[in-house]
C-alpha cells in the first residue's frame, strides 16, 4: 500500500510540475505579444514629452526669474540687517538657482536630444 502511495505522489508531483511549466510557458507567450504594446507606449510618451518641453522650459525660466528676484531682495535685507548667516543664505540661493537650470538641461538631454 505504501509503494502505491509513493508512486501516486511521484505522479502528482510530475503532474504539478508539468502544469506549472505549461502555465509559465503560456505567460511567456502572453508577455511576448505585450512587448509591442510597451514599445508603442514608450514612443507615445516620448513624443508627448517632446511636445511639452518648450512650455515646461519657459515655466522653469519664469520660476527661476521670480525666485531670483525674491531671493535677491531677501539676501539684500539680510546683509543690510547685519545677519551673520547671510553668506549661507546667499550660497543656498545661488545653488538653488543652479539646480533649476541644471534640471532643465537634464530634461532636455534625457528626453529631447
C-alpha atoms as a PDB file:
ATOM      1  CA  UNK A   1       0.000   0.000   0.000  1.00  0.00           C
ATOM      2  CA  UNK A   2       2.870   2.346   0.835  1.00  0.00           C
ATOM      3  CA  UNK A   3       4.543   1.775  -2.509  1.00  0.00           C
ATOM      4  CA  UNK A   4       1.298   2.688  -4.301  1.00  0.00           C
ATOM      5  CA  UNK A   5       1.093   5.936  -2.314  1.00  0.00           C
ATOM      6  CA  UNK A   6       4.711   6.758  -3.170  1.00  0.00           C
ATOM      7  CA  UNK A   7       4.089   6.152  -6.831  1.00  0.00           C
ATOM      8  CA  UNK A   8       0.928   8.227  -6.671  1.00  0.00           C
ATOM      9  CA  UNK A   9       2.832  11.093  -5.010  1.00  0.00           C
ATOM     10  CA  UNK A  10       5.510  10.912  -7.709  1.00  0.00           C
ATOM     11  CA  UNK A  11       2.838  11.090 -10.393  1.00  0.00           C
ATOM     12  CA  UNK A  12       1.158  14.008  -8.610  1.00  0.00           C
ATOM     13  CA  UNK A  13       4.468  15.865  -8.377  1.00  0.00           C
ATOM     14  CA  UNK A  14       5.202  15.284 -12.052  1.00  0.00           C
ATOM     15  CA  UNK A  15       1.696  16.445 -12.953  1.00  0.00           C
ATOM     16  CA  UNK A  16       2.016  19.596 -10.836  1.00  0.00           C
ATOM     17  CA  UNK A  17       5.475  20.329 -12.286  1.00  0.00           C
ATOM     18  CA  UNK A  18       4.184  19.840 -15.838  1.00  0.00           C
ATOM     19  CA  UNK A  19       1.170  22.047 -15.164  1.00  0.00           C
ATOM     20  CA  UNK A  20       3.357  24.774 -13.657  1.00  0.00           C
ATOM     21  CA  UNK A  21       5.736  24.579 -16.632  1.00  0.00           C
ATOM     22  CA  UNK A  22       2.849  24.945 -19.077  1.00  0.00           C
ATOM     23  CA  UNK A  23       1.486  27.893 -17.136  1.00  0.00           C
ATOM     24  CA  UNK A  24       4.873  29.642 -17.196  1.00  0.00           C
ATOM     25  CA  UNK A  25       5.232  28.935 -20.917  1.00  0.00           C
ATOM     26  CA  UNK A  26       1.777  30.405 -21.561  1.00  0.00           C
ATOM     27  CA  UNK A  27       2.641  33.524 -19.554  1.00  0.00           C
ATOM     28  CA  UNK A  28       5.833  33.926 -21.594  1.00  0.00           C
ATOM     29  CA  UNK A  29       3.815  33.773 -24.797  1.00  0.00           C
ATOM     30  CA  UNK A  30       1.453  36.441 -23.497  1.00  0.00           C
ATOM     31  CA  UNK A  31       4.385  38.634 -22.469  1.00  0.00           C
ATOM     32  CA  UNK A  32       5.876  38.426 -25.960  1.00  0.00           C
ATOM     33  CA  UNK A  33       2.685  39.740 -27.508  1.00  0.00           C
ATOM     34  CA  UNK A  34       2.604  42.589 -24.963  1.00  0.00           C
ATOM     35  CA  UNK A  35       6.091  43.850 -25.842  1.00  0.00           C
ATOM     36  CA  UNK A  36       4.874  45.624 -28.964  1.00  0.00           C
ATOM     37  CA  UNK A  37       2.282  47.472 -26.861  1.00  0.00           C
ATOM     38  CA  UNK A  38       5.016  48.543 -24.441  1.00  0.00           C
ATOM     39  CA  UNK A  39       7.232  49.873 -27.229  1.00  0.00           C
ATOM     40  CA  UNK A  40       4.313  51.834 -28.668  1.00  0.00           C
ATOM     41  CA  UNK A  41       3.542  53.299 -25.245  1.00  0.00           C
ATOM     42  CA  UNK A  42       7.165  54.370 -24.742  1.00  0.00           C
ATOM     43  CA  UNK A  43       7.246  56.014 -28.172  1.00  0.00           C
ATOM     44  CA  UNK A  44       3.985  57.828 -27.430  1.00  0.00           C
ATOM     45  CA  UNK A  45       5.263  59.054 -24.060  1.00  0.00           C
ATOM     46  CA  UNK A  46       8.485  60.288 -25.673  1.00  0.00           C
ATOM     47  CA  UNK A  47       6.583  62.267 -28.289  1.00  0.00           C
ATOM     48  CA  UNK A  48       4.357  63.802 -25.595  1.00  0.00           C
ATOM     49  CA  UNK A  49       7.389  64.840 -23.553  1.00  0.00           C
ATOM     50  CA  UNK A  50       8.977  66.378 -26.644  1.00  0.00           C
ATOM     51  CA  UNK A  51       5.815  68.367 -27.368  1.00  0.00           C
ATOM     52  CA  UNK A  52       5.623  69.638 -23.773  1.00  0.00           C
ATOM     53  CA  UNK A  53       9.299  70.548 -23.498  1.00  0.00           C
ATOM     54  CA  UNK A  54       9.085  74.173 -24.709  1.00  0.00           C
ATOM     55  CA  UNK A  55       6.260  75.216 -22.342  1.00  0.00           C
ATOM     56  CA  UNK A  56       7.977  73.491 -19.407  1.00  0.00           C
ATOM     57  CA  UNK A  57      11.265  75.161 -20.288  1.00  0.00           C
ATOM     58  CA  UNK A  58       9.604  78.591 -20.295  1.00  0.00           C
ATOM     59  CA  UNK A  59       7.872  77.804 -16.996  1.00  0.00           C
ATOM     60  CA  UNK A  60      11.178  76.802 -15.392  1.00  0.00           C
ATOM     61  CA  UNK A  61      12.794  80.038 -16.580  1.00  0.00           C
ATOM     62  CA  UNK A  62       9.913  82.118 -15.216  1.00  0.00           C
ATOM     63  CA  UNK A  63      10.091  80.341 -11.857  1.00  0.00           C
ATOM     64  CA  UNK A  64      13.859  80.876 -11.782  1.00  0.00           C
ATOM     65  CA  UNK A  65      13.411  84.596 -12.538  1.00  0.00           C
ATOM     66  CA  UNK A  66      10.774  85.093  -9.830  1.00  0.00           C
ATOM     67  CA  UNK A  67      12.814  83.174  -7.271  1.00  0.00           C
ATOM     68  CA  UNK A  68      15.867  85.154  -8.311  1.00  0.00           C
ATOM     69  CA  UNK A  69      14.203  88.485  -7.621  1.00  0.00           C
ATOM     70  CA  UNK A  70      12.671  87.349  -4.328  1.00  0.00           C
ATOM     71  CA  UNK A  71      15.907  85.695  -3.207  1.00  0.00           C
ATOM     72  CA  UNK A  72      17.996  88.738  -4.104  1.00  0.00           C
ATOM     73  CA  UNK A  73      15.702  91.004  -2.075  1.00  0.00           C
ATOM     74  CA  UNK A  74      15.823  88.651   0.925  1.00  0.00           C
ATOM     75  CA  UNK A  75      19.601  88.384   0.795  1.00  0.00           C
ATOM     76  CA  UNK A  76      19.955  92.167   0.447  1.00  0.00           C
ATOM     77  CA  UNK A  77      17.751  92.627   3.517  1.00  0.00           C
ATOM     78  CA  UNK A  78      19.826  90.122   5.487  1.00  0.00           C
ATOM     79  CA  UNK A  79      23.085  91.829   4.523  1.00  0.00           C
ATOM     80  CA  UNK A  80      21.691  95.260   5.452  1.00  0.00           C
ATOM     81  CA  UNK A  81      20.432  93.867   8.760  1.00  0.00           C
ATOM     82  CA  UNK A  82      23.935  92.592   9.583  1.00  0.00           C
ATOM     83  CA  UNK A  83      22.740  88.976   9.781  1.00  0.00           C
ATOM     84  CA  UNK A  84      25.791  86.769  10.472  1.00  0.00           C
ATOM     85  CA  UNK A  85      24.349  83.923   8.381  1.00  0.00           C
ATOM     86  CA  UNK A  86      23.711  85.975   5.248  1.00  0.00           C
ATOM     87  CA  UNK A  87      26.527  84.208   3.364  1.00  0.00           C
ATOM     88  CA  UNK A  88      24.865  80.830   3.999  1.00  0.00           C
ATOM     89  CA  UNK A  89      21.565  82.123   2.646  1.00  0.00           C
ATOM     90  CA  UNK A  90      23.295  83.606  -0.397  1.00  0.00           C
ATOM     91  CA  UNK A  91      25.018  80.308  -1.151  1.00  0.00           C
ATOM     92  CA  UNK A  92      21.755  78.377  -0.771  1.00  0.00           C
ATOM     93  CA  UNK A  93      20.036  80.829  -3.110  1.00  0.00           C
ATOM     94  CA  UNK A  94      22.726  80.528  -5.793  1.00  0.00           C
ATOM     95  CA  UNK A  95      22.807  76.739  -5.581  1.00  0.00           C
ATOM     96  CA  UNK A  96      19.010  76.597  -5.841  1.00  0.00           C
ATOM     97  CA  UNK A  97      19.062  78.689  -8.994  1.00  0.00           C
ATOM     98  CA  UNK A  98      21.777  76.481 -10.480  1.00  0.00           C
ATOM     99  CA  UNK A  99      19.716  73.378  -9.618  1.00  0.00           C
ATOM    100  CA  UNK A 100      16.736  74.750 -11.558  1.00  0.00           C
ATOM    101  CA  UNK A 101      18.842  75.376 -14.630  1.00  0.00           C
ATOM    102  CA  UNK A 102      20.609  72.016 -14.395  1.00  0.00           C
ATOM    103  CA  UNK A 103      17.208  70.330 -14.052  1.00  0.00           C
ATOM    104  CA  UNK A 104      16.042  71.930 -17.285  1.00  0.00           C
ATOM    105  CA  UNK A 105      19.224  70.807 -19.048  1.00  0.00           C
ATOM    106  CA  UNK A 106      18.805  67.287 -17.660  1.00  0.00           C
ATOM    107  CA  UNK A 107      15.259  67.067 -19.047  1.00  0.00           C
ATOM    108  CA  UNK A 108      16.434  68.294 -22.450  1.00  0.00           C
ATOM    109  CA  UNK A 109      19.382  65.891 -22.657  1.00  0.00           C
ATOM    110  CA  UNK A 110      17.400  62.926 -21.380  1.00  0.00           C
ATOM    111  CA  UNK A 111      14.236  63.210 -23.455  1.00  0.00           C
ATOM    112  CA  UNK A 112      14.861  65.582 -26.351  1.00  0.00           C
ATOM    113  CA  UNK A 113      18.415  65.158 -27.655  1.00  0.00           C
END
